[in-house]
Amino acid sequence: MNILNELAVQPLDKYNQTLIAQVHPLDWVNPEPAPMYDLVVIGAGTAGLVVAAGAAGLNLGLKIALIEKSLMGGDCLNLGCVPSKTLIQSSRVAATIRDAQPFGIRPPNL
C-alpha cells in the first residue's frame, strides 16, 4: 500500500511531495510506546501541536505522546487556511498589477 495515495494533498507534484516529506516523512518509524504517559495529545493539528510543544517546553520531565494518523499540522496547514491564504494573496497581487496603469505603472504583458 502506497501512503502517498492515501494522503489528501493533491496534485502529487514535486512541491506537495516536499510538503509530505516534511509533515509525514515516508521513512518515519513510530517509537516504542512507553508504558504510561503524563499527557496524550490526539491530533497534530494547530491546537495539538501547540499543546504538545508547550507541555514539552515546560521541562518538567513529563512523558508526552502526540498521536497523528495523517499530516502534521492538520487540515489548516496542509489543505485549508494556509494554502487558501496563499491563493488569496496571489490574486490580490495580480489584481494590483492589473490595475496599476492609472498610476503610471505599465506592467509587461504576462
N, C-alpha and C. Protein backbone atom coordinates (compact mmCIF):
# COMPACT_ATOMS: atom_id res chain seq x y z
N MET A 1 0.84 -1.18 0.00
CA MET A 1 0.00 0.00 0.00
C MET A 1 0.89 1.24 0.00
N ASN A 2 0.62 2.17 -0.89
CA ASN A 2 1.40 3.39 -1.01
C ASN A 2 0.74 4.51 -0.20
N ILE A 3 1.44 4.97 0.84
CA ILE A 3 0.88 6.01 1.72
C ILE A 3 0.60 7.30 0.96
N LEU A 4 1.37 7.59 -0.10
CA LEU A 4 1.16 8.82 -0.87
C LEU A 4 -0.24 8.85 -1.48
N ASN A 5 -0.76 7.70 -1.85
CA ASN A 5 -2.10 7.64 -2.44
C ASN A 5 -3.19 7.89 -1.40
N GLU A 6 -2.88 7.68 -0.12
CA GLU A 6 -3.86 7.85 0.94
C GLU A 6 -3.93 9.29 1.45
N LEU A 7 -2.90 10.08 1.22
CA LEU A 7 -2.87 11.44 1.74
C LEU A 7 -3.69 12.36 0.85
N ALA A 8 -4.31 13.35 1.46
CA ALA A 8 -5.27 14.21 0.76
C ALA A 8 -4.61 15.35 -0.01
N VAL A 9 -3.30 15.44 -0.03
CA VAL A 9 -2.63 16.55 -0.70
C VAL A 9 -2.53 16.24 -2.19
N GLN A 10 -3.19 17.05 -2.99
CA GLN A 10 -3.18 16.87 -4.45
C GLN A 10 -2.91 18.21 -5.11
N PRO A 11 -2.30 18.26 -6.26
CA PRO A 11 -1.75 17.15 -7.02
C PRO A 11 -0.46 16.67 -6.37
N LEU A 12 -0.05 15.50 -6.70
CA LEU A 12 1.14 14.92 -6.11
C LEU A 12 2.37 15.34 -6.93
N ASP A 13 2.55 16.66 -7.05
CA ASP A 13 3.69 17.20 -7.78
C ASP A 13 4.90 17.32 -6.85
N LYS A 14 6.00 17.87 -7.36
CA LYS A 14 7.22 17.93 -6.55
C LYS A 14 7.05 18.82 -5.32
N TYR A 15 6.21 19.84 -5.40
CA TYR A 15 6.01 20.74 -4.27
C TYR A 15 5.26 20.03 -3.14
N ASN A 16 4.19 19.33 -3.50
CA ASN A 16 3.44 18.60 -2.49
C ASN A 16 4.21 17.40 -1.97
N GLN A 17 5.07 16.82 -2.78
CA GLN A 17 5.93 15.74 -2.28
C GLN A 17 6.91 16.27 -1.24
N THR A 18 7.41 17.50 -1.45
CA THR A 18 8.28 18.13 -0.45
C THR A 18 7.51 18.40 0.83
N LEU A 19 6.28 18.90 0.70
CA LEU A 19 5.43 19.13 1.86
C LEU A 19 5.22 17.83 2.64
N ILE A 20 4.85 16.78 1.95
CA ILE A 20 4.61 15.49 2.61
C ILE A 20 5.86 15.00 3.31
N ALA A 21 7.01 15.17 2.68
CA ALA A 21 8.26 14.73 3.30
C ALA A 21 8.51 15.45 4.62
N GLN A 22 7.98 16.65 4.77
CA GLN A 22 8.19 17.42 5.99
C GLN A 22 7.13 17.16 7.05
N VAL A 23 5.91 16.88 6.65
CA VAL A 23 4.83 16.72 7.64
C VAL A 23 4.40 15.27 7.84
N HIS A 24 4.87 14.36 7.00
CA HIS A 24 4.56 12.93 7.13
C HIS A 24 5.68 12.14 6.45
N PRO A 25 6.88 12.16 7.04
CA PRO A 25 8.02 11.50 6.39
C PRO A 25 7.74 10.03 6.10
N LEU A 26 8.04 9.61 4.89
CA LEU A 26 7.76 8.23 4.49
C LEU A 26 8.61 7.22 5.24
N ASP A 27 9.77 7.65 5.73
CA ASP A 27 10.65 6.73 6.45
C ASP A 27 10.45 6.78 7.96
N TRP A 28 9.39 7.43 8.43
CA TRP A 28 9.12 7.56 9.86
C TRP A 28 8.83 6.19 10.47
N VAL A 29 9.47 5.92 11.58
CA VAL A 29 9.21 4.71 12.34
C VAL A 29 8.69 5.15 13.71
N ASN A 30 7.51 4.67 14.06
CA ASN A 30 6.95 5.04 15.36
C ASN A 30 7.86 4.55 16.48
N PRO A 31 8.04 5.39 17.50
CA PRO A 31 8.86 4.96 18.64
C PRO A 31 8.13 3.89 19.46
N GLU A 32 8.90 3.16 20.21
CA GLU A 32 8.31 2.16 21.11
C GLU A 32 7.48 2.90 22.16
N PRO A 33 6.21 2.55 22.31
CA PRO A 33 5.38 3.26 23.29
C PRO A 33 5.89 3.05 24.72
N ALA A 34 5.76 4.09 25.51
CA ALA A 34 6.09 3.98 26.93
C ALA A 34 4.92 3.29 27.63
N PRO A 35 5.16 2.70 28.79
CA PRO A 35 4.06 2.04 29.50
C PRO A 35 3.01 3.03 30.02
N MET A 36 3.42 4.29 30.27
CA MET A 36 2.49 5.28 30.78
C MET A 36 2.95 6.67 30.35
N TYR A 37 1.97 7.56 30.11
CA TYR A 37 2.25 8.94 29.73
C TYR A 37 1.56 9.89 30.70
N ASP A 38 2.14 11.07 30.87
CA ASP A 38 1.51 12.11 31.67
C ASP A 38 0.46 12.85 30.84
N LEU A 39 0.69 12.93 29.53
CA LEU A 39 -0.21 13.64 28.63
C LEU A 39 -0.21 12.95 27.29
N VAL A 40 -1.40 12.69 26.76
CA VAL A 40 -1.54 12.15 25.42
C VAL A 40 -2.36 13.15 24.61
N VAL A 41 -1.80 13.63 23.53
CA VAL A 41 -2.47 14.60 22.65
C VAL A 41 -2.86 13.85 21.39
N ILE A 42 -4.14 13.87 21.08
CA ILE A 42 -4.64 13.19 19.88
C ILE A 42 -4.90 14.24 18.82
N GLY A 43 -4.14 14.17 17.75
CA GLY A 43 -4.26 15.10 16.65
C GLY A 43 -3.16 16.13 16.67
N ALA A 44 -2.37 16.17 15.59
CA ALA A 44 -1.26 17.11 15.48
C ALA A 44 -1.63 18.28 14.58
N GLY A 45 -2.87 18.75 14.75
CA GLY A 45 -3.28 19.98 14.08
C GLY A 45 -2.72 21.16 14.85
N THR A 46 -3.24 22.33 14.57
CA THR A 46 -2.74 23.55 15.20
C THR A 46 -2.77 23.43 16.73
N ALA A 47 -3.92 23.09 17.28
CA ALA A 47 -4.05 23.02 18.74
C ALA A 47 -3.20 21.91 19.33
N GLY A 48 -3.22 20.73 18.72
CA GLY A 48 -2.46 19.61 19.24
C GLY A 48 -0.96 19.88 19.28
N LEU A 49 -0.45 20.50 18.22
CA LEU A 49 0.99 20.83 18.19
C LEU A 49 1.35 21.84 19.27
N VAL A 50 0.49 22.83 19.47
CA VAL A 50 0.76 23.85 20.48
C VAL A 50 0.74 23.24 21.88
N VAL A 51 -0.25 22.39 22.15
CA VAL A 51 -0.35 21.76 23.47
C VAL A 51 0.85 20.86 23.73
N ALA A 52 1.19 20.00 22.77
CA ALA A 52 2.31 19.08 22.97
C ALA A 52 3.63 19.83 23.11
N ALA A 53 3.87 20.81 22.25
CA ALA A 53 5.12 21.57 22.33
C ALA A 53 5.18 22.39 23.61
N GLY A 54 4.06 22.97 23.99
CA GLY A 54 4.02 23.77 25.22
C GLY A 54 4.31 22.92 26.45
N ALA A 55 3.68 21.76 26.52
CA ALA A 55 3.90 20.87 27.66
C ALA A 55 5.34 20.35 27.67
N ALA A 56 5.87 20.02 26.51
CA ALA A 56 7.25 19.53 26.45
C ALA A 56 8.24 20.65 26.79
N GLY A 57 7.90 21.87 26.42
CA GLY A 57 8.79 23.01 26.66
C GLY A 57 8.85 23.45 28.11
N LEU A 58 7.96 22.94 28.94
CA LEU A 58 7.98 23.31 30.35
C LEU A 58 9.13 22.66 31.12
N ASN A 59 9.76 21.67 30.51
CA ASN A 59 10.89 20.97 31.13
C ASN A 59 10.58 20.45 32.53
N LEU A 60 9.41 19.85 32.66
CA LEU A 60 9.01 19.29 33.94
C LEU A 60 9.23 17.78 33.98
N GLY A 61 9.83 17.26 32.93
CA GLY A 61 10.07 15.82 32.88
C GLY A 61 8.83 15.02 32.55
N LEU A 62 7.85 15.65 31.95
CA LEU A 62 6.62 14.95 31.61
C LEU A 62 6.84 14.04 30.41
N LYS A 63 6.16 12.91 30.42
CA LYS A 63 6.19 11.98 29.29
C LYS A 63 4.95 12.29 28.45
N ILE A 64 5.18 12.75 27.21
CA ILE A 64 4.09 13.22 26.35
C ILE A 64 4.06 12.40 25.07
N ALA A 65 2.86 11.99 24.68
CA ALA A 65 2.66 11.30 23.41
C ALA A 65 1.81 12.19 22.51
N LEU A 66 2.21 12.31 21.25
CA LEU A 66 1.45 13.05 20.24
C LEU A 66 1.05 12.04 19.18
N ILE A 67 -0.24 11.90 18.96
CA ILE A 67 -0.76 10.90 18.03
C ILE A 67 -1.36 11.61 16.83
N GLU A 68 -0.92 11.24 15.63
CA GLU A 68 -1.47 11.80 14.39
C GLU A 68 -1.50 10.71 13.35
N LYS A 69 -2.64 10.51 12.71
CA LYS A 69 -2.75 9.45 11.70
C LYS A 69 -2.43 9.93 10.29
N SER A 70 -2.40 11.24 10.10
CA SER A 70 -2.20 11.73 8.75
C SER A 70 -1.05 12.74 8.71
N LEU A 71 -1.35 14.01 8.48
CA LEU A 71 -0.32 15.02 8.26
C LEU A 71 -0.14 15.91 9.49
N MET A 72 1.11 16.07 9.93
CA MET A 72 1.40 17.03 11.00
C MET A 72 0.94 18.40 10.52
N GLY A 73 0.31 19.14 11.40
CA GLY A 73 -0.20 20.46 11.03
C GLY A 73 -1.67 20.45 10.71
N GLY A 74 -2.23 19.28 10.47
CA GLY A 74 -3.66 19.15 10.23
C GLY A 74 -4.13 19.78 8.93
N ASP A 75 -5.43 19.84 8.80
CA ASP A 75 -6.05 20.37 7.58
C ASP A 75 -5.74 21.84 7.35
N CYS A 76 -5.69 22.62 8.43
CA CYS A 76 -5.47 24.06 8.28
C CYS A 76 -4.15 24.34 7.57
N LEU A 77 -3.09 23.71 8.03
CA LEU A 77 -1.78 23.95 7.43
C LEU A 77 -1.68 23.36 6.03
N ASN A 78 -2.19 22.18 5.82
CA ASN A 78 -1.93 21.45 4.59
C ASN A 78 -2.99 21.59 3.51
N LEU A 79 -4.23 21.82 3.88
CA LEU A 79 -5.30 21.83 2.88
C LEU A 79 -6.17 23.08 2.90
N GLY A 80 -6.27 23.74 4.04
CA GLY A 80 -7.25 24.81 4.18
C GLY A 80 -6.67 26.19 4.31
N CYS A 81 -6.55 26.64 5.54
CA CYS A 81 -6.22 28.03 5.85
C CYS A 81 -4.98 28.54 5.14
N VAL A 82 -3.86 27.88 5.32
CA VAL A 82 -2.59 28.39 4.78
C VAL A 82 -2.59 28.36 3.25
N PRO A 83 -2.94 27.23 2.60
CA PRO A 83 -2.97 27.26 1.14
C PRO A 83 -3.97 28.26 0.57
N SER A 84 -5.14 28.39 1.18
CA SER A 84 -6.13 29.33 0.64
C SER A 84 -5.66 30.77 0.80
N LYS A 85 -4.98 31.08 1.89
CA LYS A 85 -4.47 32.44 2.08
C LYS A 85 -3.39 32.76 1.04
N THR A 86 -2.62 31.77 0.65
CA THR A 86 -1.62 31.96 -0.40
C THR A 86 -2.30 32.32 -1.72
N LEU A 87 -3.36 31.60 -2.05
CA LEU A 87 -4.09 31.88 -3.28
C LEU A 87 -4.76 33.26 -3.23
N ILE A 88 -5.33 33.61 -2.09
CA ILE A 88 -5.98 34.92 -1.94
C ILE A 88 -4.96 36.04 -2.11
N GLN A 89 -3.81 35.94 -1.45
CA GLN A 89 -2.79 36.98 -1.57
C GLN A 89 -2.26 37.06 -3.00
N SER A 90 -2.04 35.93 -3.65
CA SER A 90 -1.57 35.93 -5.04
C SER A 90 -2.57 36.62 -5.95
N SER A 91 -3.85 36.38 -5.74
CA SER A 91 -4.87 37.03 -6.58
C SER A 91 -4.91 38.53 -6.32
N ARG A 92 -4.68 38.95 -5.08
CA ARG A 92 -4.65 40.39 -4.78
C ARG A 92 -3.46 41.06 -5.46
N VAL A 93 -2.32 40.40 -5.46
CA VAL A 93 -1.13 40.95 -6.12
C VAL A 93 -1.39 41.06 -7.62
N ALA A 94 -1.98 40.01 -8.20
CA ALA A 94 -2.28 40.04 -9.63
C ALA A 94 -3.25 41.17 -9.96
N ALA A 95 -4.26 41.39 -9.12
CA ALA A 95 -5.21 42.48 -9.35
C ALA A 95 -4.54 43.84 -9.22
N THR A 96 -3.63 43.98 -8.26
CA THR A 96 -2.91 45.24 -8.09
C THR A 96 -2.07 45.55 -9.33
N ILE A 97 -1.40 44.55 -9.85
CA ILE A 97 -0.60 44.74 -11.07
C ILE A 97 -1.51 45.09 -12.24
N ARG A 98 -2.61 44.38 -12.37
CA ARG A 98 -3.55 44.62 -13.47
C ARG A 98 -4.10 46.05 -13.42
N ASP A 99 -4.33 46.56 -12.23
CA ASP A 99 -4.96 47.87 -12.07
C ASP A 99 -3.97 49.00 -11.86
N ALA A 100 -2.70 48.78 -12.11
CA ALA A 100 -1.67 49.78 -11.81
C ALA A 100 -1.48 50.84 -12.89
N GLN A 101 -2.02 50.64 -14.07
CA GLN A 101 -1.77 51.56 -15.19
C GLN A 101 -2.19 53.01 -14.89
N PRO A 102 -3.31 53.27 -14.21
CA PRO A 102 -3.66 54.67 -13.91
C PRO A 102 -2.62 55.39 -13.05
N PHE A 103 -1.75 54.65 -12.41
CA PHE A 103 -0.72 55.23 -11.56
C PHE A 103 0.62 55.35 -12.26
N GLY A 104 0.62 55.13 -13.58
CA GLY A 104 1.83 55.26 -14.37
C GLY A 104 2.70 54.01 -14.40
N ILE A 105 2.18 52.94 -13.86
CA ILE A 105 2.93 51.69 -13.88
C ILE A 105 2.37 50.83 -14.99
N ARG A 106 3.24 50.46 -15.89
CA ARG A 106 2.82 49.65 -17.04
C ARG A 106 3.52 48.30 -16.96
N PRO A 107 2.86 47.34 -16.35
CA PRO A 107 3.48 46.01 -16.23
C PRO A 107 3.58 45.36 -17.60
N PRO A 108 4.57 44.51 -17.78
CA PRO A 108 4.69 43.81 -19.05
C PRO A 108 3.53 42.84 -19.23
N ASN A 109 3.23 42.55 -20.45
CA ASN A 109 2.20 41.53 -20.73
C ASN A 109 2.74 40.19 -20.27
N LEU A 110 1.97 39.54 -19.44
CA LEU A 110 2.40 38.25 -18.91
C LEU A 110 1.71 37.12 -19.61
